[in-house]
Protein backbone atom coordinates (compact mmCIF):
# COMPACT_ATOMS: atom_id res chain seq x y z
CA MET A 1 0.12 0.12 -0.08
CA SER A 2 3.04 2.30 0.80
CA TYR A 3 4.24 1.85 -2.80
CA PHE A 4 1.09 3.00 -4.18
CA ARG A 5 0.87 6.20 -2.56
CA SER A 6 4.53 6.90 -3.12
CA CYS A 7 3.65 6.27 -6.57
CA SER A 8 0.79 8.46 -6.73
CA ARG A 9 3.02 11.51 -4.83
CA SER A 10 5.47 11.03 -7.94
CA PHE A 11 2.87 12.16 -10.23
CA ILE A 12 1.62 15.30 -8.36
CA LEU A 13 2.81 18.15 -10.08
CA GLN A 14 3.87 21.49 -8.23
CA GLN A 15 2.56 24.81 -9.47
CA THR A 16 6.08 25.84 -10.25
CA ASP A 17 7.01 22.94 -12.49
CA TYR A 18 5.53 24.66 -15.85
CA LEU A 19 6.32 28.29 -15.15
CA ALA A 20 7.27 29.94 -17.96
CA ASP A 21 10.14 32.52 -18.05
CA ASP A 22 8.96 35.50 -20.03
CA GLU A 23 11.99 37.26 -20.51
CA ARG A 24 14.22 34.15 -21.86
CA ILE A 25 11.26 33.11 -24.26
CA ASP A 26 11.06 37.04 -25.21
CA ALA A 27 15.05 37.02 -26.00
CA LEU A 28 14.97 33.78 -27.82
CA LEU A 29 11.98 35.22 -29.97
CA ASN A 30 14.19 38.44 -30.85
CA ALA A 31 17.90 36.54 -31.51
CA ALA A 32 16.21 33.95 -34.16
CA PRO A 33 16.56 35.20 -37.87
CA GLU A 34 13.99 36.38 -39.56
CA THR A 35 12.52 34.30 -42.39
CA ALA A 36 10.28 35.37 -45.35
CA MET A 37 8.75 32.73 -47.99
CA ALA A 38 10.26 33.38 -51.52
CA LEU A 39 7.64 34.28 -54.14
CA LEU A 40 7.14 32.41 -57.18
CA PRO A 41 8.27 34.37 -60.37
CA ALA A 42 5.21 34.96 -62.14
CA GLY A 43 4.63 32.02 -65.17
CA PRO A 44 2.93 28.70 -65.91
CA LEU A 45 2.60 27.68 -62.01
CA SER A 46 1.34 30.87 -60.60
CA SER A 47 -1.92 30.79 -63.02
CA THR A 48 -4.71 28.34 -62.17
CA SER A 49 -6.50 29.11 -64.99
CA ASN A 50 -5.06 26.24 -67.12
CA LEU A 51 -5.41 23.41 -64.27
CA SER A 52 -7.88 20.98 -64.87
CA LEU A 53 -9.23 18.59 -62.45
CA ALA A 54 -9.49 15.53 -64.36
CA PRO A 55 -11.47 12.37 -62.33
CA ALA A 56 -8.89 10.19 -61.14
CA GLU A 57 -8.21 6.98 -62.39
CA LYS A 58 -10.25 3.99 -60.87
CA SER A 59 -8.48 0.46 -60.83
CA ALA A 60 -10.19 -2.64 -61.06
CA PRO A 61 -7.88 -4.82 -58.51
CA VAL A 62 -8.53 -2.14 -55.82
CA ALA A 63 -12.16 -2.52 -56.62
CA LEU A 64 -12.78 -6.10 -56.60
CA LEU A 65 -10.31 -6.12 -53.37
CA LEU A 66 -12.52 -3.88 -51.62
CA ASP A 67 -15.56 -5.73 -52.92
CA PHE A 68 -14.32 -8.92 -51.67
CA PHE A 69 -13.48 -7.53 -48.08
CA LEU A 70 -16.07 -4.70 -47.64
CA GLY A 71 -18.58 -5.19 -50.70
CA GLY A 72 -21.91 -5.79 -48.06
CA LEU A 73 -20.72 -1.89 -47.08
CA GLY A 74 -20.62 -1.10 -50.23
CA VAL A 75 -17.13 0.17 -49.77
CA HIS A 76 -16.36 -0.59 -53.56
CA ARG A 77 -19.23 1.39 -55.07
CA PHE A 78 -17.86 4.47 -53.33
CA TYR A 79 -14.54 3.70 -54.74
CA LEU A 80 -16.22 3.53 -57.91
CA GLY A 81 -18.16 6.98 -57.62
CA THR A 82 -21.75 6.77 -56.57
CA GLU A 83 -24.52 8.46 -55.20
CA VAL A 84 -24.05 8.21 -50.70
CA LEU A 85 -28.06 6.75 -51.05
CA THR A 86 -26.34 3.25 -52.94
CA GLY A 87 -23.65 2.65 -49.96
CA VAL A 88 -26.63 3.21 -47.54
CA GLY A 89 -28.79 1.38 -49.24
CA TYR A 90 -25.91 -1.75 -49.35
CA ILE A 91 -25.80 -1.26 -45.41
CA LEU A 92 -29.55 -1.03 -45.30
CA THR A 93 -30.40 -4.36 -46.95
CA CYS A 94 -27.87 -6.63 -44.63
CA GLY A 95 -24.99 -5.97 -47.26
CA GLY A 96 -26.75 -5.83 -50.48
CA ILE A 97 -29.94 -8.35 -50.25
CA PHE A 98 -27.63 -10.25 -48.08
CA GLY A 99 -24.49 -10.22 -49.97
CA ILE A 100 -26.31 -11.56 -53.41
CA VAL A 101 -25.26 -7.65 -54.83
CA PRO A 102 -21.87 -7.45 -54.14
CA LEU A 103 -21.43 -11.18 -54.90
CA ILE A 104 -22.79 -10.44 -58.44
CA ASP A 105 -20.48 -6.86 -58.56
CA PHE A 106 -17.75 -8.72 -57.80
CA VAL A 107 -18.61 -11.46 -60.85
CA MET A 108 -19.35 -8.62 -63.23
CA LEU A 109 -15.74 -7.05 -62.52
CA ILE A 110 -13.96 -10.03 -63.21
CA ILE A 111 -15.67 -10.27 -66.57
CA ASN A 112 -15.08 -6.45 -67.41
CA PHE A 113 -11.66 -6.72 -65.80
CA ASP A 114 -9.98 -5.06 -68.51
CA ASP A 115 -12.90 -2.24 -68.85
CA ILE A 116 -14.70 -1.34 -65.36
CA SER A 117 -15.60 2.13 -67.25
CA PRO A 118 -19.87 1.37 -67.35
CA TYR A 119 -19.57 0.83 -63.33
CA ILE A 120 -17.60 4.33 -62.74
CA ASP A 121 -20.00 6.78 -61.49
CA ASN A 122 -22.75 4.57 -61.69
CA PRO A 123 -25.69 5.75 -59.40
CA ARG A 124 -28.30 2.48 -59.97
CA PHE A 125 -28.33 0.37 -56.92
CA PHE A 126 -27.47 -2.82 -59.33
CA MET A 127 -24.56 -1.45 -61.41
CA TRP A 128 -24.76 -3.86 -63.76
CA ALA A 129 -28.20 -3.10 -64.98
């Protein structure tokens, strides 16, 4: 019992343990060199009008892995770009009608492994229909 008392006393902080020396902090800040950010030269990088936001390329192997491991939650559909209600539908129907829909999604992704573009940004619940 005395061991626990001595340990608990060693963790009690005194009020003087965390006092900051304001004069020392001010001296350190005044002695620090001043730095400035260099401006980029005017050129192609300074203009954002030429930038285009192309959709990210979706990978069939990643979609297959997500479908295999997390298909019941509809994670593969979120990866492929679908509406939020589709993912909610997967969850509310106990993994897409008890796992049947993710299984069919998996088979369709395997069959169309070379071209999964019909399934990207597809808002339908049954992405193969």
